[in-house]
Amino acid sequence: MYTRTNFHKHTFCLFQQVESSTLLHLKLGYKSASGSAYYFTELGVYRQSNHWGRAANCRWRLIPNSSYKNQTEIVGFAKWTDFYPNNETEKLFFIVIDIDNNEVHFNHKDHPNYDHQLLRNASETAKRIKEIKIVLDATTWAKHLVFDDFEEIKSKMLTELINTNESFVNLKKILQHGKK
């Protein structure tokens, strides 16, 4: 169980953006050297910060209510039960693609949404997310492939990138020639 004394030690967490007015009646619990402010409650922690993602030895992602830019002060809340153990070597993370919003995210295997997806360690996850972003954001990755329907081949590539450890280059060859 995570609490105010250990939530900041090697954890993964998804914080939900909340209105900054939520903090008006709360007492500041801690202010970090980087300027992040923490407000502790029995249920969890509010974090007011202008940086999200990697925080020291933690991976804390903000789920925004609307579009936001890093470097903007945002308040996020997470329950103590939303924190999971994190390290750089264990295969703890799975990747989720939101096609409708053209986004890719990663999540922790202890999260309730985990359904036996392929797990990767932190560096493998980061590398694969970069490759997925290339497929989501551009068409140049497919310029030497022969296909009738770009959306279909894009969908196949994204599925393979999530569900296999096959290299990006090999996946392009497999899509082209149909062999593994």
C-alpha atoms as a PDB file:
ATOM      1  CA  MET A   1       0.000   0.000   0.000  1.00  0.00           C
ATOM      2  CA  TYR A   2       1.341   3.397  -0.958  1.00  0.00           C
ATOM      3  CA  THR A   3       1.060   6.392   1.366  1.00  0.00           C
ATOM      4  CA  ARG A   4       2.484   9.898   1.688  1.00  0.00           C
ATOM      5  CA  THR A   5       5.739   8.368   2.952  1.00  0.00           C
ATOM      6  CA  ASN A   6       6.499   6.056   0.019  1.00  0.00           C
ATOM      7  CA  PHE A   7       4.448   7.075  -3.052  1.00  0.00           C
ATOM      8  CA  HIS A   8       7.444   8.958  -4.479  1.00  0.00           C
ATOM      9  CA  LYS A   9       9.824   5.987  -4.452  1.00  0.00           C
ATOM     10  CA  HIS A  10       9.982   4.059  -7.739  1.00  0.00           C
ATOM     11  CA  THR A  11       6.298   4.234  -8.671  1.00  0.00           C
ATOM     12  CA  PHE A  12       4.117   4.437 -11.760  1.00  0.00           C
ATOM     13  CA  CYS A  13       0.852   6.379 -11.561  1.00  0.00           C
ATOM     14  CA  LEU A  14      -1.832   7.978 -13.704  1.00  0.00           C
ATOM     15  CA  PHE A  15      -2.975  11.291 -12.235  1.00  0.00           C
ATOM     16  CA  GLN A  16      -6.351  12.691 -13.286  1.00  0.00           C
ATOM     17  CA  GLN A  17      -6.396  16.433 -13.955  1.00  0.00           C
ATOM     18  CA  VAL A  18      -8.618  18.373 -11.548  1.00  0.00           C
ATOM     19  CA  GLU A  19      -9.499  22.043 -11.193  1.00  0.00           C
ATOM     20  CA  SER A  20      -6.871  24.076  -9.346  1.00  0.00           C
ATOM     21  CA  SER A  21      -9.641  25.437  -7.109  1.00  0.00           C
ATOM     22  CA  THR A  22      -9.657  21.964  -5.475  1.00  0.00           C
ATOM     23  CA  LEU A  23      -6.523  22.998  -3.581  1.00  0.00           C
ATOM     24  CA  LEU A  24      -8.063  26.087  -1.940  1.00  0.00           C
ATOM     25  CA  HIS A  25      -9.052  24.262   1.247  1.00  0.00           C
ATOM     26  CA  LEU A  26      -6.086  21.915   1.428  1.00  0.00           C
ATOM     27  CA  LYS A  27      -2.849  22.360   3.342  1.00  0.00           C
ATOM     28  CA  LEU A  28       0.419  22.135   1.408  1.00  0.00           C
ATOM     29  CA  GLY A  29       2.161  18.960   2.488  1.00  0.00           C
ATOM     30  CA  TYR A  30       5.433  19.183   0.583  1.00  0.00           C
ATOM     31  CA  LYS A  31       7.156  21.312  -2.064  1.00  0.00           C
ATOM     32  CA  SER A  32       9.893  19.658  -4.130  1.00  0.00           C
ATOM     33  CA  ALA A  33      13.124  21.266  -5.290  1.00  0.00           C
ATOM     34  CA  SER A  34      11.695  21.328  -8.834  1.00  0.00           C
ATOM     35  CA  GLY A  35       8.675  23.325  -7.656  1.00  0.00           C
ATOM     36  CA  SER A  36       5.992  20.637  -7.563  1.00  0.00           C
ATOM     37  CA  ALA A  37       3.540  20.989  -4.683  1.00  0.00           C
ATOM     38  CA  TYR A  38       1.918  18.023  -2.953  1.00  0.00           C
ATOM     39  CA  TYR A  39      -1.291  18.044  -0.943  1.00  0.00           C
ATOM     40  CA  PHE A  40      -2.047  14.849   0.976  1.00  0.00           C
ATOM     41  CA  THR A  41      -5.460  13.459   1.856  1.00  0.00           C
ATOM     42  CA  GLU A  42      -6.636  10.198   3.320  1.00  0.00           C
ATOM     43  CA  LEU A  43      -7.658   8.983  -0.169  1.00  0.00           C
ATOM     44  CA  GLY A  44      -4.602  10.115  -2.122  1.00  0.00           C
ATOM     45  CA  VAL A  45      -2.412  12.978  -3.245  1.00  0.00           C
ATOM     46  CA  TYR A  46      -2.879  16.142  -5.282  1.00  0.00           C
ATOM     47  CA  ARG A  47       0.146  17.214  -7.276  1.00  0.00           C
ATOM     48  CA  GLN A  48       0.475  20.724  -8.709  1.00  0.00           C
ATOM     49  CA  SER A  49       3.250  20.763 -11.257  1.00  0.00           C
ATOM     50  CA  ASN A  50       4.425  22.049 -14.613  1.00  0.00           C
ATOM     51  CA  HIS A  51       6.120  18.763 -15.551  1.00  0.00           C
ATOM     52  CA  TRP A  52       4.664  15.288 -15.912  1.00  0.00           C
ATOM     53  CA  GLY A  53       6.027  12.013 -17.198  1.00  0.00           C
ATOM     54  CA  ARG A  54       9.288  11.123 -15.610  1.00  0.00           C
ATOM     55  CA  ALA A  55       9.745  12.552 -12.118  1.00  0.00           C
ATOM     56  CA  ALA A  56      13.016  11.355 -10.545  1.00  0.00           C
ATOM     57  CA  ASN A  57      12.676   7.551 -10.289  1.00  0.00           C
ATOM     58  CA  CYS A  58       8.917   7.625 -10.988  1.00  0.00           C
ATOM     59  CA  ARG A  59       6.752   7.637 -14.081  1.00  0.00           C
ATOM     60  CA  TRP A  60       3.722   9.800 -13.421  1.00  0.00           C
ATOM     61  CA  ARG A  61       1.456  10.603 -16.311  1.00  0.00           C
ATOM     62  CA  LEU A  62      -1.286  13.184 -16.318  1.00  0.00           C
ATOM     63  CA  ILE A  63      -4.631  12.318 -17.856  1.00  0.00           C
ATOM     64  CA  PRO A  64      -5.768  15.774 -18.916  1.00  0.00           C
ATOM     65  CA  ASN A  65      -9.359  16.981 -19.009  1.00  0.00           C
ATOM     66  CA  SER A  66      -8.449  19.042 -22.069  1.00  0.00           C
ATOM     67  CA  SER A  67      -5.383  19.699 -24.124  1.00  0.00           C
ATOM     68  CA  TYR A  68      -2.496  21.057 -22.131  1.00  0.00           C
ATOM     69  CA  LYS A  69       1.135  21.850 -22.760  1.00  0.00           C
ATOM     70  CA  ASN A  70       3.969  20.744 -20.541  1.00  0.00           C
ATOM     71  CA  GLN A  71       5.392  23.715 -18.625  1.00  0.00           C
ATOM     72  CA  THR A  72       1.854  24.781 -17.651  1.00  0.00           C
ATOM     73  CA  GLU A  73       0.904  24.440 -13.966  1.00  0.00           C
ATOM     74  CA  ILE A  74      -1.656  21.643 -13.754  1.00  0.00           C
ATOM     75  CA  VAL A  75      -3.197  19.918 -10.753  1.00  0.00           C
ATOM     76  CA  GLY A  76      -3.618  16.167 -10.823  1.00  0.00           C
ATOM     77  CA  PHE A  77      -5.062  13.763  -8.288  1.00  0.00           C
ATOM     78  CA  ALA A  78      -4.267  10.094  -7.692  1.00  0.00           C
ATOM     79  CA  LYS A  79      -5.619   7.706  -5.096  1.00  0.00           C
ATOM     80  CA  TRP A  80      -3.085   5.768  -3.068  1.00  0.00           C
ATOM     81  CA  THR A  81      -4.368   2.629  -4.806  1.00  0.00           C
ATOM     82  CA  ASP A  82      -3.409   4.145  -8.210  1.00  0.00           C
ATOM     83  CA  PHE A  83       0.332   3.815  -7.493  1.00  0.00           C
ATOM     84  CA  TYR A  84       2.193   0.751  -8.717  1.00  0.00           C
ATOM     85  CA  PRO A  85       5.826  -0.362  -8.359  1.00  0.00           C
ATOM     86  CA  ASN A  86       8.215   0.840 -11.057  1.00  0.00           C
ATOM     87  CA  ASN A  87      11.743  -0.037 -12.095  1.00  0.00           C
ATOM     88  CA  GLU A  88      13.755   0.104 -15.287  1.00  0.00           C
ATOM     89  CA  THR A  89      14.401  -3.606 -15.856  1.00  0.00           C
ATOM     90  CA  GLU A  90      11.206  -5.560 -15.158  1.00  0.00           C
ATOM     91  CA  LYS A  91       8.609  -6.070 -17.870  1.00  0.00           C
ATOM     92  CA  LEU A  92       5.901  -3.965 -16.234  1.00  0.00           C
ATOM     93  CA  PHE A  93       4.321  -1.967 -19.065  1.00  0.00           C
ATOM     94  CA  PHE A  94       1.849  -2.549 -21.858  1.00  0.00           C
ATOM     95  CA  ILE A  95       0.992  -0.183 -24.694  1.00  0.00           C
ATOM     96  CA  VAL A  96      -2.442   1.142 -25.587  1.00  0.00           C
ATOM     97  CA  ILE A  97      -3.291   2.978 -28.813  1.00  0.00           C
ATOM     98  CA  ASP A  98      -6.238   5.354 -29.002  1.00  0.00           C
ATOM     99  CA  ILE A  99      -6.863   5.434 -32.758  1.00  0.00           C
ATOM    100  CA  ASP A 100      -9.728   7.930 -32.466  1.00  0.00           C
ATOM    101  CA  ASN A 101      -7.452  10.528 -30.865  1.00  0.00           C
ATOM    102  CA  ASN A 102      -4.283   9.410 -32.665  1.00  0.00           C
ATOM    103  CA  GLU A 103      -2.497   8.809 -29.351  1.00  0.00           C
ATOM    104  CA  VAL A 104      -0.379   6.116 -27.765  1.00  0.00           C
ATOM    105  CA  HIS A 105       0.149   5.556 -24.044  1.00  0.00           C
ATOM    106  CA  PHE A 106       1.594   2.953 -21.764  1.00  0.00           C
ATOM    107  CA  ASN A 107       0.157   1.502 -18.607  1.00  0.00           C
ATOM    108  CA  HIS A 108       1.243  -0.764 -15.761  1.00  0.00           C
ATOM    109  CA  LYS A 109       0.502  -4.482 -15.602  1.00  0.00           C
ATOM    110  CA  ASP A 110      -1.122  -4.013 -12.154  1.00  0.00           C
ATOM    111  CA  HIS A 111      -3.650  -1.544 -13.589  1.00  0.00           C
ATOM    112  CA  PRO A 112      -7.223  -2.938 -13.798  1.00  0.00           C
ATOM    113  CA  ASN A 113      -7.213  -2.520 -17.628  1.00  0.00           C
ATOM    114  CA  TYR A 114      -4.399  -5.053 -18.054  1.00  0.00           C
ATOM    115  CA  ASP A 115      -5.671  -8.020 -20.085  1.00  0.00           C
ATOM    116  CA  HIS A 116      -2.543 -10.089 -20.770  1.00  0.00           C
ATOM    117  CA  GLN A 117      -1.096  -7.708 -23.357  1.00  0.00           C
ATOM    118  CA  LEU A 118       2.596  -8.027 -24.192  1.00  0.00           C
ATOM    119  CA  LEU A 119       4.729  -6.520 -21.422  1.00  0.00           C
ATOM    120  CA  ARG A 120       7.955  -4.594 -21.902  1.00  0.00           C
ATOM    121  CA  ASN A 121      10.456  -2.883 -19.651  1.00  0.00           C
ATOM    122  CA  ALA A 122      10.674   0.918 -19.558  1.00  0.00           C
ATOM    123  CA  SER A 123      13.273   1.390 -22.319  1.00  0.00           C
ATOM    124  CA  GLU A 124      11.625  -1.156 -24.647  1.00  0.00           C
ATOM    125  CA  THR A 125       8.290   0.573 -24.072  1.00  0.00           C
ATOM    126  CA  ALA A 126       9.726   4.014 -24.837  1.00  0.00           C
ATOM    127  CA  LYS A 127      11.370   2.752 -28.042  1.00  0.00           C
ATOM    128  CA  ARG A 128       8.202   1.030 -29.229  1.00  0.00           C
ATOM    129  CA  ILE A 129       6.076   4.096 -28.492  1.00  0.00           C
ATOM    130  CA  LYS A 130       8.398   6.175 -30.720  1.00  0.00           C
ATOM    131  CA  GLU A 131       7.867   3.673 -33.539  1.00  0.00           C
ATOM    132  CA  ILE A 132       4.109   3.693 -33.031  1.00  0.00           C
ATOM    133  CA  LYS A 133       4.082   7.505 -33.150  1.00  0.00           C
ATOM    134  CA  ILE A 134       5.841   7.348 -36.526  1.00  0.00           C
ATOM    135  CA  VAL A 135       3.038   5.121 -37.851  1.00  0.00           C
ATOM    136  CA  LEU A 136       0.318   7.273 -36.283  1.00  0.00           C
ATOM    137  CA  ASP A 137       1.704  10.627 -37.429  1.00  0.00           C
ATOM    138  CA  ALA A 138       3.194  10.010 -40.874  1.00  0.00           C
ATOM    139  CA  THR A 139       2.848   8.036 -44.074  1.00  0.00           C
ATOM    140  CA  THR A 140       6.525   7.956 -45.065  1.00  0.00           C
ATOM    141  CA  TRP A 141       7.132   4.740 -43.092  1.00  0.00           C
ATOM    142  CA  ALA A 142       5.037   2.928 -45.741  1.00  0.00           C
ATOM    143  CA  LYS A 143       6.459   4.576 -48.876  1.00  0.00           C
ATOM    144  CA  HIS A 144       8.172   1.411 -50.176  1.00  0.00           C
ATOM    145  CA  LEU A 145       5.283  -0.916 -49.345  1.00  0.00           C
ATOM    146  CA  VAL A 146       2.788  -1.970 -51.988  1.00  0.00           C
ATOM    147  CA  PHE A 147      -0.795  -1.907 -50.714  1.00  0.00           C
ATOM    148  CA  ASP A 148      -4.342  -1.117 -51.782  1.00  0.00           C
ATOM    149  CA  ASP A 149      -5.616   0.360 -48.519  1.00  0.00           C
ATOM    150  CA  PHE A 150      -3.304   2.537 -46.391  1.00  0.00           C
ATOM    151  CA  GLU A 151      -5.603   2.458 -43.330  1.00  0.00           C
ATOM    152  CA  GLU A 152      -5.640  -1.337 -43.422  1.00  0.00           C
ATOM    153  CA  ILE A 153      -1.852  -1.666 -43.584  1.00  0.00           C
ATOM    154  CA  LYS A 154      -1.477   1.015 -40.910  1.00  0.00           C
ATOM    155  CA  SER A 155      -3.849  -0.924 -38.649  1.00  0.00           C
ATOM    156  CA  LYS A 156      -1.918  -4.157 -39.237  1.00  0.00           C
ATOM    157  CA  MET A 157       1.382  -2.421 -38.454  1.00  0.00           C
ATOM    158  CA  LEU A 158       0.028  -0.915 -35.232  1.00  0.00           C
ATOM    159  CA  THR A 159      -1.363  -4.279 -34.132  1.00  0.00           C
ATOM    160  CA  GLU A 160       1.996  -5.958 -34.730  1.00  0.00           C
ATOM    161  CA  LEU A 161       3.914  -3.172 -32.974  1.00  0.00           C
ATOM    162  CA  ILE A 162       1.798  -3.678 -29.857  1.00  0.00           C
ATOM    163  CA  ASN A 163       1.630  -7.473 -29.886  1.00  0.00           C
ATOM    164  CA  THR A 164       5.129  -8.541 -30.930  1.00  0.00           C
ATOM    165  CA  ASN A 165       8.747  -7.730 -30.255  1.00  0.00           C
ATOM    166  CA  GLU A 166       9.577  -8.007 -33.953  1.00  0.00           C
ATOM    167  CA  SER A 167      11.696  -5.083 -35.167  1.00  0.00           C
ATOM    168  CA  PHE A 168      10.106  -2.199 -37.054  1.00  0.00           C
ATOM    169  CA  VAL A 169      12.137  -3.015 -40.180  1.00  0.00           C
ATOM    170  CA  ASN A 170      11.166  -6.695 -40.056  1.00  0.00           C
ATOM    171  CA  LEU A 171       7.505  -5.833 -39.568  1.00  0.00           C
ATOM    172  CA  LYS A 172       7.590  -3.742 -42.745  1.00  0.00           C
ATOM    173  CA  LYS A 173       9.108  -6.722 -44.595  1.00  0.00           C
ATOM    174  CA  ILE A 174       6.499  -9.070 -43.134  1.00  0.00           C
ATOM    175  CA  LEU A 175       3.670  -6.744 -44.189  1.00  0.00           C
ATOM    176  CA  GLN A 176       5.147  -6.541 -47.664  1.00  0.00           C
ATOM    177  CA  HIS A 177       5.820 -10.230 -48.180  1.00  0.00           C
ATOM    178  CA  GLY A 178       3.470 -11.903 -45.689  1.00  0.00           C
ATOM    179  CA  LYS A 179       6.157 -14.018 -43.980  1.00  0.00           C
ATOM    180  CA  LYS A 180       7.542 -14.184 -40.483  1.00  0.00           C
END
